[in-house]
Amino acid sequence: IAEMVTTIRRALHDETELNRHAGPWCRFCPILDGCAEGSTAVTLTA
């Protein structure tokens, strides 16, 4: 988990985008409204 947190903090600091991997957990994501991959995943798994 520490590695994931470090990666997210670095991306936020550098203002870079992370790779997105859609899946069934996307429905709980706070950036779902702006994420085409997540929106598609939610539609397909509904």
C-alpha atoms as a PDB file:
ATOM      1  CA  ILE A   1       0.000   0.000   0.000  1.00  0.00           C
ATOM      2  CA  ALA A   2       2.870   2.368   0.776  1.00  0.00           C
ATOM      3  CA  GLU A   3       4.148   2.108  -2.796  1.00  0.00           C
ATOM      4  CA  MET A   4       0.700   2.971  -4.171  1.00  0.00           C
ATOM      5  CA  VAL A   5       0.404   5.992  -1.874  1.00  0.00           C
ATOM      6  CA  THR A   6       3.868   7.187  -2.896  1.00  0.00           C
ATOM      7  CA  THR A   7       2.970   6.828  -6.581  1.00  0.00           C
ATOM      8  CA  ILE A   8      -0.259   8.791  -6.140  1.00  0.00           C
ATOM      9  CA  ARG A   9       1.441  11.525  -4.126  1.00  0.00           C
ATOM     10  CA  ARG A  10       4.180  11.864  -6.740  1.00  0.00           C
ATOM     11  CA  ALA A  11       1.638  12.078  -9.571  1.00  0.00           C
ATOM     12  CA  LEU A  12      -0.386  14.722  -7.731  1.00  0.00           C
ATOM     13  CA  HIS A  13       2.738  16.738  -6.959  1.00  0.00           C
ATOM     14  CA  ASP A  14       4.069  16.533 -10.534  1.00  0.00           C
ATOM     15  CA  GLU A  15       0.576  16.948 -12.020  1.00  0.00           C
ATOM     16  CA  THR A  16       0.983  13.839 -14.155  1.00  0.00           C
ATOM     17  CA  GLU A  17      -1.742  11.361 -15.051  1.00  0.00           C
ATOM     18  CA  LEU A  18      -1.617   7.771 -13.890  1.00  0.00           C
ATOM     19  CA  ASN A  19      -2.556   4.779 -16.001  1.00  0.00           C
ATOM     20  CA  ARG A  20      -6.179   3.834 -15.480  1.00  0.00           C
ATOM     21  CA  HIS A  21      -7.346   0.242 -15.349  1.00  0.00           C
ATOM     22  CA  ALA A  22     -11.105  -0.130 -15.382  1.00  0.00           C
ATOM     23  CA  GLY A  23     -12.892  -2.797 -13.422  1.00  0.00           C
ATOM     24  CA  PRO A  24     -15.861  -3.523 -11.178  1.00  0.00           C
ATOM     25  CA  TRP A  25     -14.455  -1.277  -8.416  1.00  0.00           C
ATOM     26  CA  CYS A  26     -14.841   1.826 -10.633  1.00  0.00           C
ATOM     27  CA  ARG A  27     -18.368   2.459  -9.343  1.00  0.00           C
ATOM     28  CA  PHE A  28     -16.799   3.591  -6.035  1.00  0.00           C
ATOM     29  CA  CYS A  29     -14.142   5.876  -7.553  1.00  0.00           C
ATOM     30  CA  PRO A  30     -14.307   9.611  -6.794  1.00  0.00           C
ATOM     31  CA  ILE A  31     -13.176  10.522 -10.345  1.00  0.00           C
ATOM     32  CA  LEU A  32     -15.765   8.350 -12.117  1.00  0.00           C
ATOM     33  CA  ASP A  33     -17.591  11.337 -13.644  1.00  0.00           C
ATOM     34  CA  GLY A  34     -14.490  12.333 -15.611  1.00  0.00           C
ATOM     35  CA  CYS A  35     -13.238   8.860 -16.492  1.00  0.00           C
ATOM     36  CA  ALA A  36     -14.310   7.267 -19.771  1.00  0.00           C
ATOM     37  CA  GLU A  37     -12.735   3.917 -18.879  1.00  0.00           C
ATOM     38  CA  GLY A  38     -14.518   3.747 -15.525  1.00  0.00           C
ATOM     39  CA  SER A  39     -17.858   4.845 -16.938  1.00  0.00           C
ATOM     40  CA  THR A  40     -17.672   2.111 -19.566  1.00  0.00           C
ATOM     41  CA  ALA A  41     -16.757  -0.486 -16.949  1.00  0.00           C
ATOM     42  CA  VAL A  42     -19.687   0.528 -14.740  1.00  0.00           C
ATOM     43  CA  THR A  43     -22.062   0.320 -17.714  1.00  0.00           C
ATOM     44  CA  LEU A  44     -20.787  -3.137 -18.685  1.00  0.00           C
ATOM     45  CA  THR A  45     -20.925  -4.546 -15.154  1.00  0.00           C
ATOM     46  CA  ALA A  46     -24.346  -3.111 -14.278  1.00  0.00           C
END
